[in-house]
Amino acid sequence: MNDSALLQDAVSRVFLDFYENDRLNKARRDGWCAELWAALEETGMTLISVPESAGGSGGSVVEAAEVIRLGGKYCASVPLAETALLAGWALAGAGIALPSGPLAFGIVGRPNQVELHRREGAWRFSGSMDHVPWARNASAIVLVIGSDADSKVICAPASTYQVERHANLAGEARDRIVFYEAKLEDAYVRATASITADRALQRGALARAVQMSGALDRILEMTTQYAKQRAQFGRPIIKFQAVQQELARLAGEAAIAKASAMAAAASVMADYRANTAVAFAKIKAGEAAQAGASIAHQLHGAIGVTDEYLLHHSTLRLWAWRSEYGSEAYWADRLGEYALSRGAATVWDEITGSVGDQK
């Protein structure tokens, strides 16, 4: 068993301990699963891919993506992607000390959404943000603010903002936060050219694509198992050609979503063709979510939407994550704009190239 397989096995065991209907329903009511977060902290997985020199656990973006993918597969209601792949990355890149506990993350992309200024020897911060993942559960929120030429990373402790509780379709915390003249010391605000809003959005889209690929893997497993057990006209429904055809479609969607998501993780890690790889991964994840969830519910029938059955925990997440950090329509536009900006001569190279082609 290689290192990757060992990592997957160890992390899967942690997630599986909390993958049962009662725990998932409780997490949906509460907005997250505190017990799962504590278990992940003990393993060091909450800061995977954050450099050890910055206070993290080390590891690569690809390893973090694999852990986050398994979290998506087992409906982990914790800010794993936000803490490790987003907030931890931004803090390490900006040279801001990592706070303990779960972290929320946000991208300030609209003019006048927030106001940051200096007064009386400190930074003052006012404004509001909607749909912030896990804000109520976080010890701090990390924000990337400003254009590429004037980017800043901010780490604001939970005591500096108010939280209005909201949730996405799957019951995960997606809160509104409000700052009013919050005071931040210089150590919590850093200008940086390497951590930009565009790169942060790219990483957020990667995180959701990876999570969605995990959820698709799970609904494929559940649907295949159900088709083997459910009998109709004296035999399991998996024996019917029409059912086999739909399962094959679902398997294909799951495979494409996983392959494109993990390829995007490798591109981000190598900082090579990440624009196209992440855009393609998020597009394919969204398309696969639409087709895959439809097939899974069609083959399950009424049992698939019952509160007692696990399928809906995965499909609700697929539908919710599809629009977060950009829908497939948004990323298709971005992909087209990027291709046009590069010129017609590079289109074929962009389509067929891979991380391994870098010279």
Protein backbone atom coordinates (compact mmCIF):
# COMPACT_ATOMS: atom_id res chain seq x y z
CA MET A 1 0.00 0.00 0.00
CA ASN A 2 1.53 3.35 -1.07
CA ASP A 3 1.46 6.62 0.87
CA SER A 4 -1.61 7.91 -0.99
CA ALA A 5 -3.58 4.74 -0.23
CA LEU A 6 -2.51 4.85 3.42
CA LEU A 7 -3.69 8.46 3.68
CA GLN A 8 -7.04 7.66 2.08
CA ASP A 9 -7.55 4.65 4.34
CA ALA A 10 -6.75 6.58 7.53
CA VAL A 11 -8.95 9.54 6.65
CA SER A 12 -11.83 7.36 5.44
CA ARG A 13 -11.91 5.65 8.83
CA VAL A 14 -12.38 9.00 10.54
CA PHE A 15 -15.16 10.10 8.20
CA LEU A 16 -16.95 6.74 8.35
CA ASP A 17 -17.25 6.98 12.14
CA PHE A 18 -19.58 9.94 11.59
CA TYR A 19 -21.32 8.76 8.43
CA GLU A 20 -24.65 7.64 9.79
CA ASN A 21 -28.08 9.14 9.42
CA ASP A 22 -28.58 10.37 12.99
CA ARG A 23 -25.24 12.17 13.02
CA LEU A 24 -25.80 13.69 9.58
CA ASN A 25 -29.27 14.92 10.53
CA LYS A 26 -27.88 16.44 13.73
CA ALA A 27 -25.13 18.16 11.74
CA ARG A 28 -27.79 19.55 9.42
CA ARG A 29 -29.73 20.96 12.36
CA ASP A 30 -26.61 22.37 14.01
CA GLY A 31 -24.96 23.63 10.83
CA TRP A 32 -21.84 21.50 11.33
CA CYS A 33 -20.37 18.49 13.19
CA ALA A 34 -18.12 19.64 16.05
CA GLU A 35 -17.18 16.08 17.01
CA LEU A 36 -15.91 15.30 13.51
CA TRP A 37 -13.87 18.49 13.49
CA ALA A 38 -12.23 17.50 16.79
CA ALA A 39 -11.40 14.06 15.39
CA LEU A 40 -9.85 15.58 12.27
CA GLU A 41 -7.80 18.02 14.33
CA GLU A 42 -6.30 15.11 16.23
CA THR A 43 -5.06 13.61 12.96
CA GLY A 44 -3.63 16.92 11.69
CA MET A 45 -5.82 16.82 8.60
CA THR A 46 -7.39 20.24 9.18
CA LEU A 47 -4.19 22.00 8.08
CA ILE A 48 -3.01 19.61 5.37
CA SER A 49 -1.10 21.38 2.55
CA VAL A 50 -0.32 24.36 4.84
CA PRO A 51 3.50 24.47 5.21
CA GLU A 52 4.91 23.28 8.51
CA SER A 53 6.98 26.46 8.65
CA ALA A 54 3.70 28.41 8.81
CA GLY A 55 2.20 26.20 11.52
CA GLY A 56 0.45 23.71 9.25
CA SER A 57 0.71 19.96 8.78
CA GLY A 58 2.59 20.03 5.47
CA GLY A 59 1.63 17.93 2.48
CA SER A 60 0.69 18.83 -1.07
CA VAL A 61 -2.36 20.36 -2.70
CA VAL A 62 -3.09 16.98 -4.30
CA GLU A 63 -3.02 15.27 -0.89
CA ALA A 64 -5.32 17.95 0.51
CA ALA A 65 -7.65 17.47 -2.45
CA GLU A 66 -7.84 13.74 -1.78
CA VAL A 67 -8.75 14.34 1.87
CA ILE A 68 -11.35 16.96 0.91
CA ARG A 69 -12.76 14.61 -1.75
CA LEU A 70 -13.33 11.97 0.91
CA GLY A 71 -15.01 14.60 3.07
CA GLY A 72 -17.39 15.25 0.18
CA LYS A 73 -17.98 11.53 -0.24
CA TYR A 74 -19.00 11.08 3.39
CA CYS A 75 -20.94 14.35 3.79
CA ALA A 76 -18.51 15.89 6.28
CA SER A 77 -20.16 19.02 7.70
CA VAL A 78 -16.91 20.76 8.66
CA PRO A 79 -14.85 23.64 7.19
CA LEU A 80 -12.04 21.37 6.04
CA ALA A 81 -11.57 22.92 2.59
CA GLU A 82 -11.97 26.44 3.97
CA THR A 83 -9.39 25.95 6.72
CA ALA A 84 -6.71 23.99 4.86
CA LEU A 85 -6.95 24.80 1.16
CA LEU A 86 -8.19 28.40 1.41
CA ALA A 87 -7.64 30.22 4.72
CA GLY A 88 -4.46 28.34 5.63
CA TRP A 89 -3.02 28.95 2.17
CA ALA A 90 -3.82 32.68 2.31
CA LEU A 91 -2.39 33.16 5.80
CA ALA A 92 0.79 31.26 5.00
CA GLY A 93 1.29 33.23 1.79
CA ALA A 94 0.73 36.55 3.53
CA GLY A 95 2.90 35.72 6.53
CA ILE A 96 0.07 35.99 9.08
CA ALA A 97 0.14 33.63 12.06
CA LEU A 98 -2.37 30.77 11.94
CA PRO A 99 -5.02 30.98 14.66
CA SER A 100 -6.22 27.77 16.26
CA GLY A 101 -9.56 26.20 15.46
CA PRO A 102 -11.74 26.13 12.34
CA LEU A 103 -11.44 29.04 9.93
CA ALA A 104 -13.96 30.71 7.64
CA PHE A 105 -12.93 32.23 4.34
CA GLY A 106 -14.28 34.96 2.11
CA ILE A 107 -13.41 36.84 -1.07
CA VAL A 108 -14.24 40.53 -1.24
CA GLY A 109 -14.88 41.01 -4.92
CA ARG A 110 -17.42 43.84 -5.17
CA PRO A 111 -16.52 47.54 -4.90
CA ASN A 112 -17.79 49.17 -1.69
CA GLN A 113 -18.65 45.77 -0.20
CA VAL A 114 -16.26 46.53 2.63
CA GLU A 115 -14.23 49.52 3.75
CA LEU A 116 -10.73 49.16 5.18
CA HIS A 117 -8.83 52.18 6.46
CA ARG A 118 -6.32 53.19 9.10
CA ARG A 119 -7.22 55.30 12.11
CA GLU A 120 -5.44 55.92 15.39
CA GLY A 121 -2.60 53.54 14.58
CA ALA A 122 -4.80 50.54 13.68
CA TRP A 123 -6.85 49.20 10.81
CA ARG A 124 -10.61 49.73 10.87
CA PHE A 125 -12.91 47.47 8.92
CA SER A 126 -16.60 47.92 8.09
CA GLY A 127 -18.94 46.07 5.75
CA SER A 128 -20.90 42.87 5.29
CA MET A 129 -20.70 39.61 3.39
CA ASP A 130 -23.37 37.02 2.60
CA HIS A 131 -23.19 33.24 2.20
CA VAL A 132 -19.96 32.87 4.19
CA PRO A 133 -19.30 29.16 4.82
CA TRP A 134 -19.04 28.18 8.48
CA ALA A 135 -18.79 31.74 9.87
CA ARG A 136 -20.71 30.85 13.04
CA ASN A 137 -18.32 27.96 13.80
CA ALA A 138 -15.03 29.70 13.03
CA SER A 139 -12.47 31.11 15.44
CA ALA A 140 -11.63 33.70 12.76
CA ILE A 141 -12.40 34.60 9.18
CA VAL A 142 -9.73 35.12 6.55
CA LEU A 143 -10.57 37.58 3.77
CA VAL A 144 -8.82 38.35 0.50
CA ILE A 145 -9.53 41.96 -0.43
CA GLY A 146 -8.73 44.14 -3.40
CA SER A 147 -7.51 43.87 -6.96
CA ASP A 148 -4.47 41.94 -8.09
CA ALA A 149 -2.39 45.10 -7.92
CA ASP A 150 -3.55 45.97 -4.41
CA SER A 151 -4.48 42.73 -2.65
CA LYS A 152 -4.63 42.38 1.10
CA VAL A 153 -5.18 39.39 3.34
CA ILE A 154 -7.06 39.97 6.58
CA CYS A 155 -7.47 37.63 9.53
CA ALA A 156 -10.36 38.87 11.66
CA PRO A 157 -11.08 37.08 14.97
CA ALA A 158 -14.68 36.01 15.56
CA SER A 159 -15.03 38.73 18.21
CA THR A 160 -14.77 41.43 15.53
CA TYR A 161 -17.93 40.57 13.58
CA GLN A 162 -21.58 39.68 14.06
CA VAL A 163 -23.11 36.58 12.49
CA GLU A 164 -26.59 36.13 11.07
CA ARG A 165 -27.24 32.42 10.67
CA HIS A 166 -28.22 31.03 7.30
CA ALA A 167 -27.70 27.69 5.56
CA ASN A 168 -27.42 26.22 2.10
CA LEU A 169 -29.74 23.58 0.67
CA ALA A 170 -27.87 20.82 2.52
CA GLY A 171 -28.09 22.58 5.89
CA GLU A 172 -24.43 23.63 5.95
CA ALA A 173 -23.74 27.01 7.57
CA ARG A 174 -23.68 29.81 4.99
CA ASP A 175 -23.91 32.88 7.16
CA ARG A 176 -24.05 36.64 6.82
CA ILE A 177 -21.31 38.51 8.66
CA VAL A 178 -21.28 42.19 9.56
CA PHE A 179 -18.27 44.29 10.57
CA TYR A 180 -18.72 47.74 12.06
CA GLU A 181 -15.50 49.65 12.62
CA ALA A 182 -13.78 46.45 13.69
CA LYS A 183 -10.28 47.14 14.98
CA LEU A 184 -7.45 45.06 13.54
CA GLU A 185 -3.77 45.28 14.44
CA ASP A 186 -1.10 45.37 11.75
CA ALA A 187 -0.24 41.71 12.38
CA TYR A 188 -3.69 40.72 11.03
CA VAL A 189 -3.58 42.78 7.82
CA ARG A 190 -0.94 42.19 5.15
CA ALA A 191 -0.52 43.41 1.59
CA THR A 192 0.52 40.66 -0.80
CA ALA A 193 0.92 40.26 -4.53
CA SER A 194 0.72 36.46 -4.52
CA ILE A 195 -2.64 35.98 -2.75
CA THR A 196 -5.25 37.55 -5.00
CA ALA A 197 -9.03 37.40 -5.23
CA ASP A 198 -8.78 35.58 -8.56
CA ARG A 199 -6.46 32.89 -7.19
CA ALA A 200 -8.68 32.56 -4.12
CA LEU A 201 -11.75 32.04 -6.32
CA GLN A 202 -9.81 29.46 -8.31
CA ARG A 203 -8.97 27.53 -5.14
CA GLY A 204 -12.55 27.75 -3.92
CA ALA A 205 -13.82 26.31 -7.20
CA LEU A 206 -11.23 23.54 -6.96
CA ALA A 207 -12.41 22.71 -3.44
CA ARG A 208 -16.04 22.41 -4.51
CA ALA A 209 -15.19 20.39 -7.63
CA VAL A 210 -13.22 17.95 -5.49
CA GLN A 211 -16.02 17.67 -2.92
CA MET A 212 -18.59 17.09 -5.65
CA SER A 213 -16.49 14.33 -7.19
CA GLY A 214 -16.50 12.59 -3.82
CA ALA A 215 -20.28 12.93 -3.48
CA LEU A 216 -20.73 11.49 -6.97
CA ASP A 217 -18.59 8.50 -6.04
CA ARG A 218 -20.85 7.88 -3.07
CA ILE A 219 -24.15 8.12 -4.93
CA LEU A 220 -22.75 5.71 -7.53
CA GLU A 221 -21.92 3.20 -4.78
CA MET A 222 -25.33 3.59 -3.16
CA THR A 223 -27.26 3.34 -6.42
CA THR A 224 -25.35 0.27 -7.58
CA GLN A 225 -25.90 -1.46 -4.24
CA TYR A 226 -29.60 -0.60 -4.25
CA ALA A 227 -30.03 -1.89 -7.82
CA LYS A 228 -28.51 -5.21 -6.76
CA GLN A 229 -30.86 -5.53 -3.78
CA ARG A 230 -34.13 -4.19 -5.22
CA ALA A 231 -36.09 -6.92 -6.99
CA GLN A 232 -38.80 -6.39 -9.59
CA PHE A 233 -40.55 -9.01 -11.72
CA GLY A 234 -38.65 -11.73 -9.91
CA ARG A 235 -35.09 -10.48 -10.35
CA PRO A 236 -32.81 -7.63 -9.17
CA ILE A 237 -33.38 -4.47 -11.19
CA ILE A 238 -29.66 -4.34 -12.03
CA LYS A 239 -30.35 -7.22 -14.43
CA PHE A 240 -32.47 -4.95 -16.63
CA GLN A 241 -30.63 -3.38 -19.56
CA ALA A 242 -32.21 0.04 -19.06
CA VAL A 243 -30.99 0.14 -15.46
CA GLN A 244 -27.52 -1.00 -16.50
CA GLN A 245 -27.40 1.78 -19.07
CA GLU A 246 -28.28 4.44 -16.48
CA LEU A 247 -25.72 3.06 -14.02
CA ALA A 248 -23.09 3.21 -16.76
CA ARG A 249 -23.98 6.86 -17.39
CA LEU A 250 -23.69 7.62 -13.68
CA ALA A 251 -20.34 5.83 -13.48
CA GLY A 252 -19.08 7.83 -16.44
CA GLU A 253 -20.13 11.14 -14.90
CA ALA A 254 -18.47 10.25 -11.59
CA ALA A 255 -15.25 9.17 -13.31
CA ILE A 256 -14.99 12.34 -15.40
CA ALA A 257 -15.68 14.55 -12.38
CA LYS A 258 -13.01 12.82 -10.30
CA ALA A 259 -10.39 12.80 -13.06
CA SER A 260 -10.88 16.47 -13.91
CA ALA A 261 -10.92 17.55 -10.24
CA MET A 262 -7.72 15.72 -9.36
CA ALA A 263 -6.04 16.94 -12.55
CA ALA A 264 -6.99 20.49 -11.54
CA ALA A 265 -5.46 19.92 -8.11
CA ALA A 266 -2.22 18.84 -9.77
CA SER A 267 -2.30 21.94 -12.00
CA VAL A 268 -2.83 24.25 -9.03
CA MET A 269 0.01 22.55 -7.16
CA ALA A 270 2.33 22.97 -10.16
CA ASP A 271 0.99 26.48 -10.88
CA TYR A 272 0.67 25.40 -14.49
CA ARG A 273 -2.45 25.80 -16.64
CA ALA A 274 -4.50 26.11 -13.48
CA ASN A 275 -6.93 28.57 -15.11
CA THR A 276 -8.15 26.08 -17.67
CA ALA A 277 -7.89 23.01 -15.44
CA VAL A 278 -9.97 24.46 -12.60
CA ALA A 279 -12.55 25.94 -14.96
CA PHE A 280 -12.97 22.60 -16.72
CA ALA A 281 -13.18 20.72 -13.40
CA LYS A 282 -15.90 22.99 -12.01
CA ILE A 283 -17.86 22.84 -15.27
CA LYS A 284 -17.72 19.04 -15.38
CA ALA A 285 -18.57 18.74 -11.69
CA GLY A 286 -21.68 20.86 -12.17
CA GLU A 287 -22.83 18.95 -15.22
CA ALA A 288 -22.15 15.63 -13.51
CA ALA A 289 -24.08 16.75 -10.43
CA GLN A 290 -27.16 17.50 -12.51
CA ALA A 291 -27.07 14.23 -14.44
CA GLY A 292 -25.80 12.03 -11.61
CA ALA A 293 -28.28 13.13 -8.97
CA SER A 294 -31.15 12.73 -11.44
CA ILE A 295 -30.10 9.17 -12.30
CA ALA A 296 -29.57 8.21 -8.66
CA HIS A 297 -33.01 9.42 -7.59
CA GLN A 298 -34.72 7.91 -10.62
CA LEU A 299 -33.28 4.45 -9.90
CA HIS A 300 -33.95 4.68 -6.17
CA GLY A 301 -37.52 5.85 -6.52
CA ALA A 302 -39.33 7.25 -3.48
CA ILE A 303 -36.92 5.83 -0.90
CA GLY A 304 -34.17 8.15 -2.16
CA VAL A 305 -35.87 11.26 -0.79
CA THR A 306 -36.83 9.87 2.62
CA ASP A 307 -35.24 11.31 5.74
CA GLU A 308 -34.16 7.86 6.89
CA TYR A 309 -32.12 7.08 3.78
CA LEU A 310 -28.64 8.53 3.22
CA LEU A 311 -28.88 9.41 -0.47
CA HIS A 312 -30.38 12.86 -0.03
CA HIS A 313 -27.46 14.01 2.13
CA SER A 314 -25.20 13.60 -0.91
CA THR A 315 -27.54 14.91 -3.60
CA LEU A 316 -28.50 18.01 -1.62
CA ARG A 317 -24.81 18.82 -1.29
CA LEU A 318 -24.28 18.34 -5.01
CA TRP A 319 -27.06 20.80 -5.78
CA ALA A 320 -25.80 23.31 -3.20
CA TRP A 321 -22.11 23.12 -4.11
CA ARG A 322 -22.86 23.44 -7.83
CA SER A 323 -23.34 27.21 -7.56
CA GLU A 324 -20.69 27.96 -4.93
CA TYR A 325 -17.48 29.63 -6.17
CA GLY A 326 -19.03 29.95 -9.60
CA SER A 327 -21.51 27.85 -11.54
CA GLU A 328 -20.59 25.92 -14.68
CA ALA A 329 -22.01 28.80 -16.75
CA TYR A 330 -19.71 31.26 -14.99
CA TRP A 331 -16.64 29.08 -15.48
CA ALA A 332 -17.54 28.35 -19.10
CA ASP A 333 -17.49 32.11 -19.73
CA ARG A 334 -14.16 32.39 -17.93
CA LEU A 335 -12.74 29.51 -19.94
CA GLY A 336 -13.85 31.12 -23.20
CA GLU A 337 -12.41 34.50 -22.22
CA TYR A 338 -9.12 32.89 -21.28
CA ALA A 339 -8.91 30.97 -24.56
CA LEU A 340 -9.63 34.13 -26.58
CA SER A 341 -7.02 36.10 -24.66
CA ARG A 342 -4.39 33.48 -25.47
CA GLY A 343 -5.11 33.48 -29.20
CA ALA A 344 -6.25 30.83 -31.66
CA ALA A 345 -2.78 29.34 -32.07
CA THR A 346 -2.76 28.10 -28.47
CA VAL A 347 -6.24 26.54 -28.31
CA TRP A 348 -5.21 23.00 -29.27
CA ASP A 349 -2.26 23.08 -26.88
CA GLU A 350 -4.56 24.22 -24.06
CA ILE A 351 -7.05 21.42 -24.80
CA THR A 352 -4.52 18.61 -25.06
CA GLY A 353 -1.83 19.81 -22.65
CA SER A 354 -1.25 18.52 -19.14
CA VAL A 355 0.92 19.27 -16.14
CA GLY A 356 3.44 16.75 -17.41
CA ASP A 357 3.93 18.80 -20.60
CA GLN A 358 5.47 21.73 -18.76
CA LYS A 359 8.89 22.73 -20.05
